[in-house]
Amino acid sequence: MGALALVSAVGLAVDDRILVGAPIWAKPFKFSVSFVAYALSLAWMLSLLPRGRRTGWWAGTVVAVASAVEMVLITLQVVRGTRSHFNQATPFDSAVFQIMGGTVVVLWLGALAIALLLLRARILDRATTWVVRLSSLIALAGAAVGFLMVRPTPEQLASDAPPIVGAHSVGVPDGGPSMPVTGWATTGGDLRVAHFFGMHALQLLPLVLLVLTALASRSARSPRLTRFARLARLARLADERVRLRLALTASAVYAAVFVLLTWQALRGQALLAPDGATLAGAGAIALLGAAATAFSFRRTSPGGPSPSPTPPSPAPPTTPTEEFSA
């Protein structure tokens, strides 16, 4: 994938062909870079398994091989100057897309096997364990959004033999006005938004945990925290239970945003043009997430740690007269 990313970057520079409103080499470039991040994340998670590593190795190999086949077919269609996804224009194009669909299913099943292994394993501390588990499940859901894209649109259903069956966009045709770099539709819904956001939970949620762990380590090394650090209660991050609650909160917020993005796209609504219902959902997620974050920082025991007992002051020495009088 790294080599293909370089080849695709050269293609973007020297090949000026446009396909479905985007440079023809943009898709293999974005897919190869995304697969690099996806594969590295899965490999790291598999390295954390205390047992079942052989099964994990085979599942990871299935994911890698399926990804490679997928990218070979995408690149083949780029070289031919035609679409890879949803293409039913000729028997050859249809066969290519059918094979691509099969490799995606195999890839998803391999990722599912890895997720099941992670669900059964106890990995390092509890916060890491749950972040790895939940991020793999959210990534599976994000990948599954791709299956929604193969549904024919109403316009395609009205045609007898449409050359294209399926679409990324909802409510508008593919190839219309789009955002720079990502190519997401700006006049209608786009399922690629939720697809992208869900799959990259594999990187973003572990990154949140790494930041929390780094802050906890920093606060432990610096007993005299700054005013800002005290307000942020960084010292409490040293408590594993606090980090666990924050990790679960981040995962829940991420999953909720993923659901919201999927719902928004299915209603034919552009990412940057949300309606009142979408804004209300985003506001609810923000408020609940903030409340859960504040709750996560609560003390783990009522009243906090009890102060150390103060040793009694030594009695003043008595003089012989005082002792005799007593």
C-alpha atoms as a PDB file:
ATOM      1  CA  MET A   1       0.000   0.000   0.000  1.00  0.00           C
ATOM      2  CA  GLY A   2       2.887   2.345   0.697  1.00  0.00           C
ATOM      3  CA  ALA A   3       4.325   1.676  -2.758  1.00  0.00           C
ATOM      4  CA  LEU A   4       0.921   2.142  -4.375  1.00  0.00           C
ATOM      5  CA  ALA A   5       0.461   5.447  -2.554  1.00  0.00           C
ATOM      6  CA  LEU A   6       3.691   6.691  -4.149  1.00  0.00           C
ATOM      7  CA  VAL A   7       2.629   5.448  -7.601  1.00  0.00           C
ATOM      8  CA  SER A   8      -0.775   7.113  -7.194  1.00  0.00           C
ATOM      9  CA  ALA A   9       0.860  10.374  -6.088  1.00  0.00           C
ATOM     10  CA  VAL A  10       2.904  10.350  -9.298  1.00  0.00           C
ATOM     11  CA  GLY A  11      -0.282   9.611 -11.223  1.00  0.00           C
ATOM     12  CA  LEU A  12      -1.976  12.622  -9.654  1.00  0.00           C
ATOM     13  CA  ALA A  13       0.931  14.789 -10.795  1.00  0.00           C
ATOM     14  CA  VAL A  14       1.287  13.570 -14.391  1.00  0.00           C
ATOM     15  CA  ASP A  15      -2.191  12.265 -15.340  1.00  0.00           C
ATOM     16  CA  ASP A  16      -4.808  14.970 -15.810  1.00  0.00           C
ATOM     17  CA  ARG A  17      -7.757  12.666 -16.490  1.00  0.00           C
ATOM     18  CA  ILE A  18     -10.931  13.332 -14.503  1.00  0.00           C
ATOM     19  CA  LEU A  19     -13.351  10.568 -13.542  1.00  0.00           C
ATOM     20  CA  VAL A  20     -16.677  11.209 -11.768  1.00  0.00           C
ATOM     21  CA  GLY A  21     -15.642  14.759 -10.971  1.00  0.00           C
ATOM     22  CA  ALA A  22     -12.274  13.885  -9.402  1.00  0.00           C
ATOM     23  CA  PRO A  23      -8.695  13.202 -10.590  1.00  0.00           C
ATOM     24  CA  ILE A  24      -8.610   9.600 -11.743  1.00  0.00           C
ATOM     25  CA  TRP A  25      -5.713   8.645  -9.417  1.00  0.00           C
ATOM     26  CA  ALA A  26      -7.347  10.171  -6.335  1.00  0.00           C
ATOM     27  CA  LYS A  27      -9.224   6.993  -5.391  1.00  0.00           C
ATOM     28  CA  PRO A  28      -6.218   4.601  -5.357  1.00  0.00           C
ATOM     29  CA  PHE A  29      -4.190   7.229  -3.490  1.00  0.00           C
ATOM     30  CA  LYS A  30      -6.795   7.731  -0.763  1.00  0.00           C
ATOM     31  CA  PHE A  31      -7.539   4.006  -0.496  1.00  0.00           C
ATOM     32  CA  SER A  32      -3.881   3.005  -0.221  1.00  0.00           C
ATOM     33  CA  VAL A  33      -3.128   5.613   2.469  1.00  0.00           C
ATOM     34  CA  SER A  34      -6.253   4.560   4.376  1.00  0.00           C
ATOM     35  CA  PHE A  35      -5.269   0.883   4.153  1.00  0.00           C
ATOM     36  CA  VAL A  36      -1.800   1.708   5.508  1.00  0.00           C
ATOM     37  CA  ALA A  37      -3.332   3.245   8.631  1.00  0.00           C
ATOM     38  CA  TYR A  38      -5.919   0.455   8.927  1.00  0.00           C
ATOM     39  CA  ALA A  39      -3.377  -2.369   8.604  1.00  0.00           C
ATOM     40  CA  LEU A  40      -0.886  -0.789  11.011  1.00  0.00           C
ATOM     41  CA  SER A  41      -3.623  -0.363  13.625  1.00  0.00           C
ATOM     42  CA  LEU A  42      -4.796  -3.967  13.296  1.00  0.00           C
ATOM     43  CA  ALA A  43      -1.193  -5.216  13.463  1.00  0.00           C
ATOM     44  CA  TRP A  44      -0.598  -3.246  16.675  1.00  0.00           C
ATOM     45  CA  MET A  45      -3.793  -4.630  18.224  1.00  0.00           C
ATOM     46  CA  LEU A  46      -2.850  -8.191  17.276  1.00  0.00           C
ATOM     47  CA  SER A  47       0.556  -7.725  18.932  1.00  0.00           C
ATOM     48  CA  LEU A  48      -1.250  -7.065  22.241  1.00  0.00           C
ATOM     49  CA  LEU A  49      -3.037 -10.442  22.280  1.00  0.00           C
ATOM     50  CA  PRO A  50      -1.858 -12.636  25.172  1.00  0.00           C
ATOM     51  CA  ARG A  51      -3.103 -15.761  23.353  1.00  0.00           C
ATOM     52  CA  GLY A  52      -4.707 -16.729  20.056  1.00  0.00           C
ATOM     53  CA  ARG A  53      -1.942 -15.034  18.102  1.00  0.00           C
ATOM     54  CA  ARG A  54      -1.814 -17.754  15.442  1.00  0.00           C
ATOM     55  CA  THR A  55      -5.517 -17.297  14.728  1.00  0.00           C
ATOM     56  CA  GLY A  56      -4.951 -13.542  14.718  1.00  0.00           C
ATOM     57  CA  TRP A  57      -2.044 -13.961  12.271  1.00  0.00           C
ATOM     58  CA  TRP A  58      -4.275 -15.831   9.829  1.00  0.00           C
ATOM     59  CA  ALA A  59      -7.093 -13.302  10.204  1.00  0.00           C
ATOM     60  CA  GLY A  60      -4.654 -10.443   9.631  1.00  0.00           C
ATOM     61  CA  THR A  61      -3.233 -12.193   6.570  1.00  0.00           C
ATOM     62  CA  VAL A  62      -6.742 -12.574   5.147  1.00  0.00           C
ATOM     63  CA  VAL A  63      -7.322  -8.842   5.651  1.00  0.00           C
ATOM     64  CA  ALA A  64      -3.996  -7.988   3.980  1.00  0.00           C
ATOM     65  CA  VAL A  65      -4.544 -10.266   0.965  1.00  0.00           C
ATOM     66  CA  ALA A  66      -8.150  -9.099   0.460  1.00  0.00           C
ATOM     67  CA  SER A  67      -6.999  -5.475   0.662  1.00  0.00           C
ATOM     68  CA  ALA A  68      -4.277  -6.117  -1.912  1.00  0.00           C
ATOM     69  CA  VAL A  69      -6.717  -7.759  -4.348  1.00  0.00           C
ATOM     70  CA  GLU A  70      -9.112  -4.851  -3.905  1.00  0.00           C
ATOM     71  CA  MET A  71      -6.401  -2.320  -4.706  1.00  0.00           C
ATOM     72  CA  VAL A  72      -5.138  -4.260  -7.738  1.00  0.00           C
ATOM     73  CA  LEU A  73      -8.634  -4.177  -9.233  1.00  0.00           C
ATOM     74  CA  ILE A  74      -9.130  -0.479  -8.449  1.00  0.00           C
ATOM     75  CA  THR A  75      -5.782   0.352 -10.067  1.00  0.00           C
ATOM     76  CA  LEU A  76      -6.592  -1.841 -13.079  1.00  0.00           C
ATOM     77  CA  GLN A  77      -9.757   0.148 -13.734  1.00  0.00           C
ATOM     78  CA  VAL A  78      -7.863   3.422 -13.313  1.00  0.00           C
ATOM     79  CA  VAL A  79      -5.373   2.318 -15.960  1.00  0.00           C
ATOM     80  CA  ARG A  80      -8.321   1.420 -18.218  1.00  0.00           C
ATOM     81  CA  GLY A  81      -9.824   4.853 -17.577  1.00  0.00           C
ATOM     82  CA  THR A  82     -13.101   3.646 -16.143  1.00  0.00           C
ATOM     83  CA  ARG A  83     -14.906   3.321 -12.821  1.00  0.00           C
ATOM     84  CA  SER A  84     -14.188   0.460 -10.463  1.00  0.00           C
ATOM     85  CA  HIS A  85     -17.093   0.797  -8.025  1.00  0.00           C
ATOM     86  CA  PHE A  86     -20.697   0.123  -9.108  1.00  0.00           C
ATOM     87  CA  ASN A  87     -19.649  -0.366 -12.749  1.00  0.00           C
ATOM     88  CA  GLN A  88     -21.945  -2.680 -14.729  1.00  0.00           C
ATOM     89  CA  ALA A  89     -21.292  -1.158 -18.170  1.00  0.00           C
ATOM     90  CA  THR A  90     -19.684  -4.276 -19.672  1.00  0.00           C
ATOM     91  CA  PRO A  91     -19.435  -7.947 -18.625  1.00  0.00           C
ATOM     92  CA  PHE A  92     -15.765  -7.370 -17.735  1.00  0.00           C
ATOM     93  CA  ASP A  93     -16.533  -4.309 -15.607  1.00  0.00           C
ATOM     94  CA  SER A  94     -19.342  -6.188 -13.898  1.00  0.00           C
ATOM     95  CA  ALA A  95     -17.033  -9.141 -13.149  1.00  0.00           C
ATOM     96  CA  VAL A  96     -14.410  -6.786 -11.689  1.00  0.00           C
ATOM     97  CA  PHE A  97     -16.933  -5.181  -9.373  1.00  0.00           C
ATOM     98  CA  GLN A  98     -18.342  -8.553  -8.318  1.00  0.00           C
ATOM     99  CA  ILE A  99     -14.844  -9.728  -7.363  1.00  0.00           C
ATOM    100  CA  MET A 100     -14.296  -6.474  -5.488  1.00  0.00           C
ATOM    101  CA  GLY A 101     -17.535  -7.054  -3.586  1.00  0.00           C
ATOM    102  CA  GLY A 102     -16.368 -10.551  -2.643  1.00  0.00           C
ATOM    103  CA  THR A 103     -12.987  -9.307  -1.409  1.00  0.00           C
ATOM    104  CA  VAL A 104     -14.693  -6.634   0.710  1.00  0.00           C
ATOM    105  CA  VAL A 105     -16.840  -9.313   2.388  1.00  0.00           C
ATOM    106  CA  VAL A 106     -13.752 -11.457   3.036  1.00  0.00           C
ATOM    107  CA  LEU A 107     -11.896  -8.437   4.414  1.00  0.00           C
ATOM    108  CA  TRP A 108     -14.806  -7.591   6.714  1.00  0.00           C
ATOM    109  CA  LEU A 109     -15.009 -11.176   8.001  1.00  0.00           C
ATOM    110  CA  GLY A 110     -11.259 -11.167   8.710  1.00  0.00           C
ATOM    111  CA  ALA A 111     -11.632  -7.928  10.666  1.00  0.00           C
ATOM    112  CA  LEU A 112     -14.605  -9.458  12.501  1.00  0.00           C
ATOM    113  CA  ALA A 113     -12.462 -12.437  13.550  1.00  0.00           C
ATOM    114  CA  ILE A 114      -9.835 -10.034  14.919  1.00  0.00           C
ATOM    115  CA  ALA A 115     -12.511  -8.075  16.789  1.00  0.00           C
ATOM    116  CA  LEU A 116     -13.811 -11.286  18.387  1.00  0.00           C
ATOM    117  CA  LEU A 117     -10.286 -12.201  19.498  1.00  0.00           C
ATOM    118  CA  LEU A 118      -9.897  -8.740  21.035  1.00  0.00           C
ATOM    119  CA  LEU A 119     -13.254  -9.041  22.823  1.00  0.00           C
ATOM    120  CA  ARG A 120     -12.060 -12.171  24.628  1.00  0.00           C
ATOM    121  CA  ALA A 121      -8.587 -10.913  25.532  1.00  0.00           C
ATOM    122  CA  ARG A 122      -7.467  -8.926  28.557  1.00  0.00           C
ATOM    123  CA  ILE A 123      -4.932  -6.451  27.205  1.00  0.00           C
ATOM    124  CA  LEU A 124      -2.690  -4.478  29.543  1.00  0.00           C
ATOM    125  CA  ASP A 125      -4.859  -2.181  31.696  1.00  0.00           C
ATOM    126  CA  ARG A 126      -8.664  -1.987  31.495  1.00  0.00           C
ATOM    127  CA  ALA A 127      -8.711   1.342  29.656  1.00  0.00           C
ATOM    128  CA  THR A 128      -6.529  -0.040  26.855  1.00  0.00           C
ATOM    129  CA  THR A 129      -8.565  -3.235  26.746  1.00  0.00           C
ATOM    130  CA  TRP A 130     -11.858  -1.413  26.235  1.00  0.00           C
ATOM    131  CA  VAL A 131     -10.492   1.144  23.785  1.00  0.00           C
ATOM    132  CA  VAL A 132      -9.100  -1.644  21.603  1.00  0.00           C
ATOM    133  CA  ARG A 133     -12.356  -3.593  21.793  1.00  0.00           C
ATOM    134  CA  LEU A 134     -14.698  -0.694  21.118  1.00  0.00           C
ATOM    135  CA  SER A 135     -12.610   0.909  18.392  1.00  0.00           C
ATOM    136  CA  SER A 136     -12.482  -2.391  16.498  1.00  0.00           C
ATOM    137  CA  LEU A 137     -16.276  -2.755  16.744  1.00  0.00           C
ATOM    138  CA  ILE A 138     -16.902   0.838  15.589  1.00  0.00           C
ATOM    139  CA  ALA A 139     -14.484   0.293  12.693  1.00  0.00           C
ATOM    140  CA  LEU A 140     -16.460  -2.817  11.700  1.00  0.00           C
ATOM    141  CA  ALA A 141     -19.657  -0.766  11.679  1.00  0.00           C
ATOM    142  CA  GLY A 142     -17.917   1.908   9.631  1.00  0.00           C
ATOM    143  CA  ALA A 143     -16.800  -0.664   7.073  1.00  0.00           C
ATOM    144  CA  ALA A 144     -20.343  -2.063   6.933  1.00  0.00           C
ATOM    145  CA  VAL A 145     -21.617   1.330   5.752  1.00  0.00           C
ATOM    146  CA  GLY A 146     -19.991   0.427   2.442  1.00  0.00           C
ATOM    147  CA  PHE A 147     -22.632  -2.265   1.962  1.00  0.00           C
ATOM    148  CA  LEU A 148     -25.301   0.471   1.892  1.00  0.00           C
ATOM    149  CA  MET A 149     -23.627   2.039  -1.134  1.00  0.00           C
ATOM    150  CA  VAL A 150     -24.348  -0.880  -3.465  1.00  0.00           C
ATOM    151  CA  ARG A 151     -28.102  -0.296  -3.286  1.00  0.00           C
ATOM    152  CA  PRO A 152     -29.486   1.034  -6.587  1.00  0.00           C
ATOM    153  CA  THR A 153     -30.790   4.573  -6.532  1.00  0.00           C
ATOM    154  CA  PRO A 154     -34.397   5.367  -7.551  1.00  0.00           C
ATOM    155  CA  GLU A 155     -33.135   6.605 -10.927  1.00  0.00           C
ATOM    156  CA  GLN A 156     -31.209   3.382 -11.493  1.00  0.00           C
ATOM    157  CA  LEU A 157     -34.233   1.284 -10.538  1.00  0.00           C
ATOM    158  CA  ALA A 158     -36.276   3.148 -13.136  1.00  0.00           C
ATOM    159  CA  SER A 159     -33.817   2.153 -15.881  1.00  0.00           C
ATOM    160  CA  ASP A 160     -33.820  -1.255 -17.576  1.00  0.00           C
ATOM    161  CA  ALA A 161     -30.056  -1.807 -17.749  1.00  0.00           C
ATOM    162  CA  PRO A 162     -28.204   0.991 -15.930  1.00  0.00           C
ATOM    163  CA  PRO A 163     -24.420   1.029 -16.492  1.00  0.00           C
ATOM    164  CA  ILE A 164     -23.916   2.089 -12.858  1.00  0.00           C
ATOM    165  CA  VAL A 165     -25.717   0.381  -9.960  1.00  0.00           C
ATOM    166  CA  GLY A 166     -25.081   1.937  -6.556  1.00  0.00           C
ATOM    167  CA  ALA A 167     -23.724   5.289  -5.407  1.00  0.00           C
ATOM    168  CA  HIS A 168     -21.737   7.044  -2.713  1.00  0.00           C
ATOM    169  CA  SER A 169     -24.110  10.009  -2.647  1.00  0.00           C
ATOM    170  CA  VAL A 170     -27.709  10.076  -1.472  1.00  0.00           C
ATOM    171  CA  GLY A 171     -30.256  12.315  -3.163  1.00  0.00           C
ATOM    172  CA  VAL A 172     -27.778  13.629  -5.745  1.00  0.00           C
ATOM    173  CA  PRO A 173     -25.735  11.919  -8.465  1.00  0.00           C
ATOM    174  CA  ASP A 174     -22.097  11.038  -7.870  1.00  0.00           C
ATOM    175  CA  GLY A 175     -19.621  13.457  -9.408  1.00  0.00           C
ATOM    176  CA  GLY A 176     -21.499  16.664  -8.532  1.00  0.00           C
ATOM    177  CA  PRO A 177     -20.229  19.588  -6.435  1.00  0.00           C
ATOM    178  CA  SER A 178     -17.930  18.234  -3.742  1.00  0.00           C
ATOM    179  CA  MET A 179     -15.539  19.170  -0.961  1.00  0.00           C
ATOM    180  CA  PRO A 180     -11.848  19.548  -1.829  1.00  0.00           C
ATOM    181  CA  VAL A 181      -9.509  16.626  -1.048  1.00  0.00           C
ATOM    182  CA  THR A 182     -12.212  14.305   0.326  1.00  0.00           C
ATOM    183  CA  GLY A 183     -14.572  14.613  -2.641  1.00  0.00           C
ATOM    184  CA  TRP A 184     -17.648  14.349  -0.386  1.00  0.00           C
ATOM    185  CA  ALA A 185     -20.854  15.736  -1.867  1.00  0.00           C
ATOM    186  CA  THR A 186     -21.817  19.247  -0.827  1.00  0.00           C
ATOM    187  CA  THR A 187     -25.360  19.282  -2.240  1.00  0.00           C
ATOM    188  CA  GLY A 188     -26.635  15.988  -0.804  1.00  0.00           C
ATOM    189  CA  GLY A 189     -25.858  13.140   1.528  1.00  0.00           C
ATOM    190  CA  ASP A 190     -22.633  11.142   1.236  1.00  0.00           C
ATOM    191  CA  LEU A 191     -22.193   7.768   2.914  1.00  0.00           C
ATOM    192  CA  ARG A 192     -18.418   8.031   2.607  1.00  0.00           C
ATOM    193  CA  VAL A 193     -18.405  10.498   5.523  1.00  0.00           C
ATOM    194  CA  ALA A 194     -19.668   7.921   8.040  1.00  0.00           C
ATOM    195  CA  HIS A 195     -17.649   5.180   6.303  1.00  0.00           C
ATOM    196  CA  PHE A 196     -14.430   7.162   6.758  1.00  0.00           C
ATOM    197  CA  PHE A 197     -15.205   8.331  10.300  1.00  0.00           C
ATOM    198  CA  GLY A 198     -16.197   4.867  11.527  1.00  0.00           C
ATOM    199  CA  MET A 199     -13.229   2.987  10.081  1.00  0.00           C
ATOM    200  CA  HIS A 200     -10.695   5.430  11.505  1.00  0.00           C
ATOM    201  CA  ALA A 201     -11.888   4.819  15.046  1.00  0.00           C
ATOM    202  CA  LEU A 202      -9.014   2.312  14.988  1.00  0.00           C
ATOM    203  CA  GLN A 203      -6.562   5.219  15.063  1.00  0.00           C
ATOM    204  CA  LEU A 204      -8.390   8.052  16.800  1.00  0.00           C
ATOM    205  CA  LEU A 205      -9.624   6.280  19.944  1.00  0.00           C
ATOM    206  CA  PRO A 206      -6.246   4.705  20.807  1.00  0.00           C
ATOM    207  CA  LEU A 207      -4.729   8.142  20.188  1.00  0.00           C
ATOM    208  CA  VAL A 208      -7.077   9.622  22.826  1.00  0.00           C
ATOM    209  CA  LEU A 209      -5.901   6.965  25.289  1.00  0.00           C
ATOM    210  CA  LEU A 210      -2.249   7.664  24.494  1.00  0.00           C
ATOM    211  CA  VAL A 211      -2.813  11.362  25.248  1.00  0.00           C
ATOM    212  CA  LEU A 212      -4.516  10.537  28.567  1.00  0.00           C
ATOM    213  CA  THR A 213      -1.674   8.202  29.543  1.00  0.00           C
ATOM    214  CA  ALA A 214       0.940  10.810  28.621  1.00  0.00           C
ATOM    215  CA  LEU A 215      -0.844  13.467  30.700  1.00  0.00           C
ATOM    216  CA  ALA A 216      -1.082  11.053  33.636  1.00  0.00           C
ATOM    217  CA  SER A 217       2.635  10.330  33.414  1.00  0.00           C
ATOM    218  CA  ARG A 218       3.439  14.037  33.238  1.00  0.00           C
ATOM    219  CA  SER A 219       1.336  14.852  36.284  1.00  0.00           C
ATOM    220  CA  ALA A 220       2.978  12.032  38.231  1.00  0.00           C
ATOM    221  CA  ARG A 221       6.449  13.433  37.457  1.00  0.00           C
ATOM    222  CA  SER A 222       5.432  16.983  38.423  1.00  0.00           C
ATOM    223  CA  PRO A 223       3.997  17.037  41.955  1.00  0.00           C
ATOM    224  CA  ARG A 224       3.637  20.841  41.833  1.00  0.00           C
ATOM    225  CA  LEU A 225       1.103  21.271  39.045  1.00  0.00           C
ATOM    226  CA  THR A 226       0.405  24.595  37.416  1.00  0.00           C
ATOM    227  CA  ARG A 227      -2.887  26.401  37.964  1.00  0.00           C
ATOM    228  CA  PHE A 228      -4.167  25.147  34.612  1.00  0.00           C
ATOM    229  CA  ALA A 229      -3.209  21.579  35.424  1.00  0.00           C
ATOM    230  CA  ARG A 230      -5.023  21.752  38.747  1.00  0.00           C
ATOM    231  CA  LEU A 231      -8.138  23.070  37.029  1.00  0.00           C
ATOM    232  CA  ALA A 232      -7.924  20.223  34.511  1.00  0.00           C
ATOM    233  CA  ARG A 233      -7.480  17.730  37.330  1.00  0.00           C
ATOM    234  CA  LEU A 234      -4.630  16.054  35.510  1.00  0.00           C
ATOM    235  CA  ALA A 235      -3.411  14.446  38.693  1.00  0.00           C
ATOM    236  CA  ARG A 236      -6.506  12.223  38.736  1.00  0.00           C
ATOM    237  CA  LEU A 237      -5.538  10.723  35.370  1.00  0.00           C
ATOM    238  CA  ALA A 238      -3.003   8.643  37.264  1.00  0.00           C
ATOM    239  CA  ASP A 239      -5.982   6.671  38.573  1.00  0.00           C
ATOM    240  CA  GLU A 240      -6.731   3.798  36.181  1.00  0.00           C
ATOM    241  CA  ARG A 241     -10.457   4.040  36.953  1.00  0.00           C
ATOM    242  CA  VAL A 242     -10.560   7.671  35.822  1.00  0.00           C
ATOM    243  CA  ARG A 243      -8.788   6.809  32.560  1.00  0.00           C
ATOM    244  CA  LEU A 244     -11.201   3.912  32.017  1.00  0.00           C
ATOM    245  CA  ARG A 245     -14.244   6.149  32.466  1.00  0.00           C
ATOM    246  CA  LEU A 246     -12.787   8.757  30.094  1.00  0.00           C
ATOM    247  CA  ALA A 247     -11.962   6.062  27.520  1.00  0.00           C
ATOM    248  CA  LEU A 248     -15.516   4.697  27.672  1.00  0.00           C
ATOM    249  CA  THR A 249     -16.905   8.235  27.362  1.00  0.00           C
ATOM    250  CA  ALA A 250     -14.750   8.958  24.293  1.00  0.00           C
ATOM    251  CA  SER A 251     -15.828   5.667  22.699  1.00  0.00           C
ATOM    252  CA  ALA A 252     -19.513   6.350  23.377  1.00  0.00           C
ATOM    253  CA  VAL A 253     -19.288   9.880  21.949  1.00  0.00           C
ATOM    254  CA  TYR A 254     -17.436   8.571  18.884  1.00  0.00           C
ATOM    255  CA  ALA A 255     -20.056   5.885  18.286  1.00  0.00           C
ATOM    256  CA  ALA A 256     -22.874   8.420  18.688  1.00  0.00           C
ATOM    257  CA  VAL A 257     -21.278  10.798  16.171  1.00  0.00           C
ATOM    258  CA  PHE A 258     -20.846   7.893  13.751  1.00  0.00           C
ATOM    259  CA  VAL A 259     -24.554   7.038  14.025  1.00  0.00           C
ATOM    260  CA  LEU A 260     -25.462  10.707  13.557  1.00  0.00           C
ATOM    261  CA  LEU A 261     -23.307  10.997  10.416  1.00  0.00           C
ATOM    262  CA  THR A 262     -24.865   7.845   8.956  1.00  0.00           C
ATOM    263  CA  TRP A 263     -28.382   9.115   9.690  1.00  0.00           C
ATOM    264  CA  GLN A 264     -27.574  12.499   8.189  1.00  0.00           C
ATOM    265  CA  ALA A 265     -26.242  10.966   4.966  1.00  0.00           C
ATOM    266  CA  LEU A 266     -29.170   8.556   4.569  1.00  0.00           C
ATOM    267  CA  ARG A 267     -31.535  11.547   4.691  1.00  0.00           C
ATOM    268  CA  GLY A 268     -29.726  13.089   1.715  1.00  0.00           C
ATOM    269  CA  GLN A 269     -28.170  15.858   3.767  1.00  0.00           C
ATOM    270  CA  ALA A 270     -24.711  17.289   3.111  1.00  0.00           C
ATOM    271  CA  LEU A 271     -22.179  17.212   5.931  1.00  0.00           C
ATOM    272  CA  LEU A 272     -21.846  21.011   6.086  1.00  0.00           C
ATOM    273  CA  ALA A 273     -25.578  21.717   5.675  1.00  0.00           C
ATOM    274  CA  PRO A 274     -27.199  20.094   8.721  1.00  0.00           C
ATOM    275  CA  ASP A 275     -30.876  20.666   9.464  1.00  0.00           C
ATOM    276  CA  GLY A 276     -32.423  21.313  12.862  1.00  0.00           C
ATOM    277  CA  ALA A 277     -32.734  17.635  13.751  1.00  0.00           C
ATOM    278  CA  THR A 278     -29.069  16.966  12.988  1.00  0.00           C
ATOM    279  CA  LEU A 279     -27.976  20.029  14.987  1.00  0.00           C
ATOM    280  CA  ALA A 280     -30.170  18.934  17.900  1.00  0.00           C
ATOM    281  CA  GLY A 281     -28.580  15.491  17.822  1.00  0.00           C
ATOM    282  CA  ALA A 282     -25.091  16.998  17.726  1.00  0.00           C
ATOM    283  CA  GLY A 283     -25.965  19.273  20.639  1.00  0.00           C
ATOM    284  CA  ALA A 284     -27.288  16.377  22.690  1.00  0.00           C
ATOM    285  CA  ILE A 285     -24.125  14.371  22.030  1.00  0.00           C
ATOM    286  CA  ALA A 286     -21.967  17.349  23.045  1.00  0.00           C
ATOM    287  CA  LEU A 287     -23.888  17.982  26.275  1.00  0.00           C
ATOM    288  CA  LEU A 288     -23.990  14.327  27.308  1.00  0.00           C
ATOM    289  CA  GLY A 289     -20.335  13.901  26.421  1.00  0.00           C
ATOM    290  CA  ALA A 290     -19.352  16.933  28.511  1.00  0.00           C
ATOM    291  CA  ALA A 291     -21.418  15.711  31.455  1.00  0.00           C
ATOM    292  CA  ALA A 292     -19.919  12.223  31.217  1.00  0.00           C
ATOM    293  CA  THR A 293     -16.418  13.713  31.054  1.00  0.00           C
ATOM    294  CA  ALA A 294     -17.018  15.768  34.179  1.00  0.00           C
ATOM    295  CA  PHE A 295     -18.471  12.707  35.905  1.00  0.00           C
ATOM    296  CA  SER A 296     -15.384  10.684  34.905  1.00  0.00           C
ATOM    297  CA  PHE A 297     -13.167  13.024  36.916  1.00  0.00           C
ATOM    298  CA  ARG A 298     -15.105  12.501  40.130  1.00  0.00           C
ATOM    299  CA  ARG A 299     -13.213  11.189  43.114  1.00  0.00           C
ATOM    300  CA  THR A 300     -13.022   7.434  43.227  1.00  0.00           C
ATOM    301  CA  SER A 301     -13.941   7.359  46.922  1.00  0.00           C
ATOM    302  CA  PRO A 302     -16.204   9.699  48.915  1.00  0.00           C
ATOM    303  CA  GLY A 303     -14.226  12.561  50.391  1.00  0.00           C
ATOM    304  CA  GLY A 304     -11.036  11.539  48.608  1.00  0.00           C
ATOM    305  CA  PRO A 305      -8.030  10.032  50.343  1.00  0.00           C
ATOM    306  CA  SER A 306      -7.993  10.505  54.092  1.00  0.00           C
ATOM    307  CA  PRO A 307      -5.201  12.714  55.390  1.00  0.00           C
ATOM    308  CA  SER A 308      -2.336  11.149  57.271  1.00  0.00           C
ATOM    309  CA  PRO A 309      -2.820  11.268  61.068  1.00  0.00           C
ATOM    310  CA  THR A 310      -0.866  14.019  62.809  1.00  0.00           C
ATOM    311  CA  PRO A 311       1.534  12.583  65.377  1.00  0.00           C
ATOM    312  CA  PRO A 312       0.896  13.835  68.938  1.00  0.00           C
ATOM    313  CA  SER A 313       3.137  16.598  70.145  1.00  0.00           C
ATOM    314  CA  PRO A 314       5.660  15.402  72.732  1.00  0.00           C
ATOM    315  CA  ALA A 315       4.887  16.483  76.301  1.00  0.00           C
ATOM    316  CA  PRO A 316       7.272  19.053  77.782  1.00  0.00           C
ATOM    317  CA  PRO A 317       9.797  17.585  80.172  1.00  0.00           C
ATOM    318  CA  THR A 318       8.880  17.878  83.830  1.00  0.00           C
ATOM    319  CA  THR A 319      11.159  19.228  86.518  1.00  0.00           C
ATOM    320  CA  PRO A 320      11.845  17.240  89.705  1.00  0.00           C
ATOM    321  CA  THR A 321       9.689  19.673  91.759  1.00  0.00           C
ATOM    322  CA  GLU A 322       6.722  19.231  89.423  1.00  0.00           C
ATOM    323  CA  GLU A 323       7.131  15.471  89.524  1.00  0.00           C
ATOM    324  CA  PHE A 324       7.235  15.446  93.378  1.00  0.00           C
ATOM    325  CA  SER A 325       4.177  17.746  93.554  1.00  0.00           C
ATOM    326  CA  ALA A 326       2.251  15.490  91.218  1.00  0.00           C
END
